[in-house]
Amino acid sequence: MQKLRSKHVEGFTLIEALLTLSVMTFLTLATSGSIKTIFNQVQNQLFFVTFEQVYRETQRLSASREKETVLRITDRYLENPLGRYPVPDTVVLEKEQQLVFNQSGGNSSLAKIVFKASGERITYQLYLGSGQYQKKKD
């Protein structure tokens, strides 16, 4: 018969385990702040791409239907006849507005749409009649 030999298995002591856990927790928390910042920046960029797409979409819609179409811009959402698009919490609208596009897709105002995001001020200056805009970052 074979004799069972007991093996001595080395492992972490309680102090070593707690030290390892502390270091891993610190590293996780340290990187999560930078990940959140990057996530907010990407979310902001996606919002502005969405805003520009919704603006052009509303403009094309009014021209194709040959009737006035409204784009509502609030601090919580963008809304046109095709849908409602959320505004992220990291983006702040200076003033709620309604843009009215005429039958040919042009707008009838020189509106200035101002957003604040990530310490920047993003301004969309609309041109009268053409439906075009100029984007500025301050």
C-alpha atoms as a PDB file:
ATOM      1  CA  MET A   1       0.000   0.000   0.000  1.00  0.00           C
ATOM      2  CA  GLN A   2       1.131   3.480  -0.753  1.00  0.00           C
ATOM      3  CA  LYS A   3       1.565   5.910   2.014  1.00  0.00           C
ATOM      4  CA  LEU A   4      -0.111   9.224   1.648  1.00  0.00           C
ATOM      5  CA  ARG A   5       2.318  12.028   1.918  1.00  0.00           C
ATOM      6  CA  SER A   6       1.172  15.365   3.037  1.00  0.00           C
ATOM      7  CA  LYS A   7       2.373  18.202   0.897  1.00  0.00           C
ATOM      8  CA  HIS A   8       3.113  21.578   2.301  1.00  0.00           C
ATOM      9  CA  VAL A   9       1.258  24.066   0.083  1.00  0.00           C
ATOM     10  CA  GLU A  10       2.427  27.621   0.277  1.00  0.00           C
ATOM     11  CA  GLY A  11      -0.115  30.382  -0.032  1.00  0.00           C
ATOM     12  CA  PHE A  12      -0.615  34.012   0.688  1.00  0.00           C
ATOM     13  CA  THR A  13      -0.782  35.145   4.236  1.00  0.00           C
ATOM     14  CA  LEU A  14      -3.660  37.330   5.282  1.00  0.00           C
ATOM     15  CA  ILE A  15      -1.436  40.432   5.169  1.00  0.00           C
ATOM     16  CA  GLU A  16      -0.240  39.642   1.636  1.00  0.00           C
ATOM     17  CA  ALA A  17      -3.795  39.022   0.433  1.00  0.00           C
ATOM     18  CA  LEU A  18      -5.026  42.308   1.926  1.00  0.00           C
ATOM     19  CA  LEU A  19      -2.070  44.189   0.462  1.00  0.00           C
ATOM     20  CA  THR A  20      -2.735  42.729  -2.999  1.00  0.00           C
ATOM     21  CA  LEU A  21      -6.433  43.557  -2.717  1.00  0.00           C
ATOM     22  CA  SER A  22      -5.627  47.129  -1.653  1.00  0.00           C
ATOM     23  CA  VAL A  23      -3.243  47.685  -4.569  1.00  0.00           C
ATOM     24  CA  MET A  24      -5.732  46.283  -7.095  1.00  0.00           C
ATOM     25  CA  THR A  25      -8.558  48.405  -5.670  1.00  0.00           C
ATOM     26  CA  PHE A  26      -6.403  51.533  -5.848  1.00  0.00           C
ATOM     27  CA  LEU A  27      -5.416  50.840  -9.463  1.00  0.00           C
ATOM     28  CA  THR A  28      -9.022  50.168 -10.452  1.00  0.00           C
ATOM     29  CA  LEU A  29     -10.272  53.368  -8.848  1.00  0.00           C
ATOM     30  CA  ALA A  30      -7.409  55.416 -10.292  1.00  0.00           C
ATOM     31  CA  THR A  31      -8.155  54.316 -13.855  1.00  0.00           C
ATOM     32  CA  SER A  32     -11.947  54.552 -13.557  1.00  0.00           C
ATOM     33  CA  GLY A  33     -11.775  58.357 -13.283  1.00  0.00           C
ATOM     34  CA  SER A  34      -9.881  58.690 -16.538  1.00  0.00           C
ATOM     35  CA  ILE A  35     -12.188  56.188 -18.228  1.00  0.00           C
ATOM     36  CA  LYS A  36     -15.212  58.224 -17.136  1.00  0.00           C
ATOM     37  CA  THR A  37     -13.631  61.398 -18.555  1.00  0.00           C
ATOM     38  CA  ILE A  38     -12.944  59.691 -21.877  1.00  0.00           C
ATOM     39  CA  PHE A  39     -16.482  58.270 -21.935  1.00  0.00           C
ATOM     40  CA  ASN A  40     -17.967  61.753 -21.365  1.00  0.00           C
ATOM     41  CA  GLN A  41     -15.835  63.243 -24.152  1.00  0.00           C
ATOM     42  CA  VAL A  42     -16.924  60.543 -26.601  1.00  0.00           C
ATOM     43  CA  GLN A  43     -20.548  60.945 -25.519  1.00  0.00           C
ATOM     44  CA  ASN A  44     -20.331  64.711 -26.131  1.00  0.00           C
ATOM     45  CA  GLN A  45     -18.783  64.257 -29.569  1.00  0.00           C
ATOM     46  CA  LEU A  46     -21.481  61.759 -30.527  1.00  0.00           C
ATOM     47  CA  PHE A  47     -24.163  64.182 -29.380  1.00  0.00           C
ATOM     48  CA  PHE A  48     -22.847  66.978 -31.605  1.00  0.00           C
ATOM     49  CA  VAL A  49     -22.655  64.629 -34.594  1.00  0.00           C
ATOM     50  CA  THR A  50     -26.242  63.593 -33.830  1.00  0.00           C
ATOM     51  CA  PHE A  51     -27.352  67.222 -33.503  1.00  0.00           C
ATOM     52  CA  GLU A  52     -25.888  68.104 -36.900  1.00  0.00           C
ATOM     53  CA  GLN A  53     -27.501  65.024 -38.473  1.00  0.00           C
ATOM     54  CA  VAL A  54     -30.907  65.803 -36.936  1.00  0.00           C
ATOM     55  CA  TYR A  55     -30.610  69.418 -38.131  1.00  0.00           C
ATOM     56  CA  ARG A  56     -29.899  68.329 -41.732  1.00  0.00           C
ATOM     57  CA  GLU A  57     -32.508  65.557 -41.522  1.00  0.00           C
ATOM     58  CA  THR A  58     -35.184  68.061 -40.451  1.00  0.00           C
ATOM     59  CA  GLN A  59     -34.117  70.405 -43.231  1.00  0.00           C
ATOM     60  CA  ARG A  60     -34.386  67.645 -45.881  1.00  0.00           C
ATOM     61  CA  LEU A  61     -37.717  66.521 -44.430  1.00  0.00           C
ATOM     62  CA  SER A  62     -39.256  69.978 -44.784  1.00  0.00           C
ATOM     63  CA  ALA A  63     -38.022  70.229 -48.387  1.00  0.00           C
ATOM     64  CA  SER A  64     -39.254  66.754 -49.357  1.00  0.00           C
ATOM     65  CA  ARG A  65     -42.685  67.229 -47.754  1.00  0.00           C
ATOM     66  CA  GLU A  66     -42.851  70.819 -49.005  1.00  0.00           C
ATOM     67  CA  LYS A  67     -44.214  72.047 -45.696  1.00  0.00           C
ATOM     68  CA  GLU A  68     -42.861  73.780 -42.614  1.00  0.00           C
ATOM     69  CA  THR A  69     -41.096  71.489 -40.176  1.00  0.00           C
ATOM     70  CA  VAL A  70     -40.053  72.277 -36.610  1.00  0.00           C
ATOM     71  CA  LEU A  71     -36.914  71.189 -34.780  1.00  0.00           C
ATOM     72  CA  ARG A  72     -37.281  71.654 -31.011  1.00  0.00           C
ATOM     73  CA  ILE A  73     -34.109  71.956 -28.973  1.00  0.00           C
ATOM     74  CA  THR A  74     -34.489  71.634 -25.200  1.00  0.00           C
ATOM     75  CA  ASP A  75     -32.052  70.869 -22.400  1.00  0.00           C
ATOM     76  CA  ARG A  76     -33.283  67.231 -22.327  1.00  0.00           C
ATOM     77  CA  TYR A  77     -33.859  66.328 -25.985  1.00  0.00           C
ATOM     78  CA  LEU A  78     -33.885  67.279 -29.668  1.00  0.00           C
ATOM     79  CA  GLU A  79     -37.197  66.622 -31.374  1.00  0.00           C
ATOM     80  CA  ASN A  80     -38.354  66.605 -34.971  1.00  0.00           C
ATOM     81  CA  PRO A  81     -41.284  64.801 -36.647  1.00  0.00           C
ATOM     82  CA  LEU A  82     -39.173  61.648 -37.009  1.00  0.00           C
ATOM     83  CA  GLY A  83     -38.131  61.238 -33.398  1.00  0.00           C
ATOM     84  CA  ARG A  84     -36.812  62.444 -30.089  1.00  0.00           C
ATOM     85  CA  TYR A  85     -33.083  62.332 -29.384  1.00  0.00           C
ATOM     86  CA  PRO A  86     -31.710  62.659 -25.830  1.00  0.00           C
ATOM     87  CA  VAL A  87     -29.225  65.337 -24.780  1.00  0.00           C
ATOM     88  CA  PRO A  88     -26.556  63.927 -22.425  1.00  0.00           C
ATOM     89  CA  ASP A  89     -26.293  65.332 -18.898  1.00  0.00           C
ATOM     90  CA  THR A  90     -22.782  66.566 -19.708  1.00  0.00           C
ATOM     91  CA  VAL A  91     -24.136  68.943 -22.388  1.00  0.00           C
ATOM     92  CA  VAL A  92     -25.896  72.130 -21.271  1.00  0.00           C
ATOM     93  CA  LEU A  93     -28.078  74.167 -23.618  1.00  0.00           C
ATOM     94  CA  GLU A  94     -27.981  77.910 -23.042  1.00  0.00           C
ATOM     95  CA  LYS A  95     -31.513  78.614 -24.319  1.00  0.00           C
ATOM     96  CA  GLU A  96     -34.354  76.376 -25.518  1.00  0.00           C
ATOM     97  CA  GLN A  97     -35.347  77.037 -29.122  1.00  0.00           C
ATOM     98  CA  GLN A  98     -37.645  76.008 -31.928  1.00  0.00           C
ATOM     99  CA  LEU A  99     -36.235  76.159 -35.434  1.00  0.00           C
ATOM    100  CA  VAL A 100     -38.803  76.380 -38.206  1.00  0.00           C
ATOM    101  CA  PHE A 101     -37.719  75.206 -41.648  1.00  0.00           C
ATOM    102  CA  ASN A 102     -39.778  76.487 -44.579  1.00  0.00           C
ATOM    103  CA  GLN A 103     -41.041  74.430 -47.539  1.00  0.00           C
ATOM    104  CA  SER A 104     -37.684  74.647 -49.323  1.00  0.00           C
ATOM    105  CA  GLY A 105     -35.654  73.610 -46.260  1.00  0.00           C
ATOM    106  CA  GLY A 106     -34.393  77.064 -45.304  1.00  0.00           C
ATOM    107  CA  ASN A 107     -34.765  78.600 -41.874  1.00  0.00           C
ATOM    108  CA  SER A 108     -36.259  82.001 -41.231  1.00  0.00           C
ATOM    109  CA  SER A 109     -34.053  83.170 -38.396  1.00  0.00           C
ATOM    110  CA  LEU A 110     -30.501  84.081 -37.539  1.00  0.00           C
ATOM    111  CA  ALA A 111     -30.680  81.949 -34.433  1.00  0.00           C
ATOM    112  CA  LYS A 112     -27.621  81.180 -32.390  1.00  0.00           C
ATOM    113  CA  ILE A 113     -27.653  77.820 -30.635  1.00  0.00           C
ATOM    114  CA  VAL A 114     -25.153  77.611 -27.775  1.00  0.00           C
ATOM    115  CA  PHE A 115     -24.149  74.460 -25.910  1.00  0.00           C
ATOM    116  CA  LYS A 116     -21.643  74.081 -23.084  1.00  0.00           C
ATOM    117  CA  ALA A 117     -19.778  70.802 -22.747  1.00  0.00           C
ATOM    118  CA  SER A 118     -16.481  69.775 -21.152  1.00  0.00           C
ATOM    119  CA  GLY A 119     -15.562  73.374 -20.369  1.00  0.00           C
ATOM    120  CA  GLU A 120     -16.093  74.428 -23.998  1.00  0.00           C
ATOM    121  CA  ARG A 121     -18.736  76.652 -25.497  1.00  0.00           C
ATOM    122  CA  ILE A 122     -19.995  75.330 -28.841  1.00  0.00           C
ATOM    123  CA  THR A 123     -21.965  77.813 -30.933  1.00  0.00           C
ATOM    124  CA  TYR A 124     -24.000  77.095 -34.041  1.00  0.00           C
ATOM    125  CA  GLN A 125     -24.727  80.333 -35.910  1.00  0.00           C
ATOM    126  CA  LEU A 126     -27.542  79.775 -38.407  1.00  0.00           C
ATOM    127  CA  TYR A 127     -27.622  81.613 -41.718  1.00  0.00           C
ATOM    128  CA  LEU A 128     -30.868  83.195 -42.858  1.00  0.00           C
ATOM    129  CA  GLY A 129     -32.781  81.374 -45.584  1.00  0.00           C
ATOM    130  CA  SER A 130     -30.132  78.866 -46.630  1.00  0.00           C
ATOM    131  CA  GLY A 131     -30.410  76.481 -43.694  1.00  0.00           C
ATOM    132  CA  GLN A 132     -26.620  76.440 -43.407  1.00  0.00           C
ATOM    133  CA  TYR A 133     -24.759  77.037 -40.137  1.00  0.00           C
ATOM    134  CA  GLN A 134     -21.311  77.799 -38.826  1.00  0.00           C
ATOM    135  CA  LYS A 135     -19.935  75.854 -35.861  1.00  0.00           C
ATOM    136  CA  LYS A 136     -17.560  77.621 -33.466  1.00  0.00           C
ATOM    137  CA  LYS A 137     -15.781  76.350 -30.365  1.00  0.00           C
ATOM    138  CA  ASP A 138     -14.746  78.850 -27.690  1.00  0.00           C
END
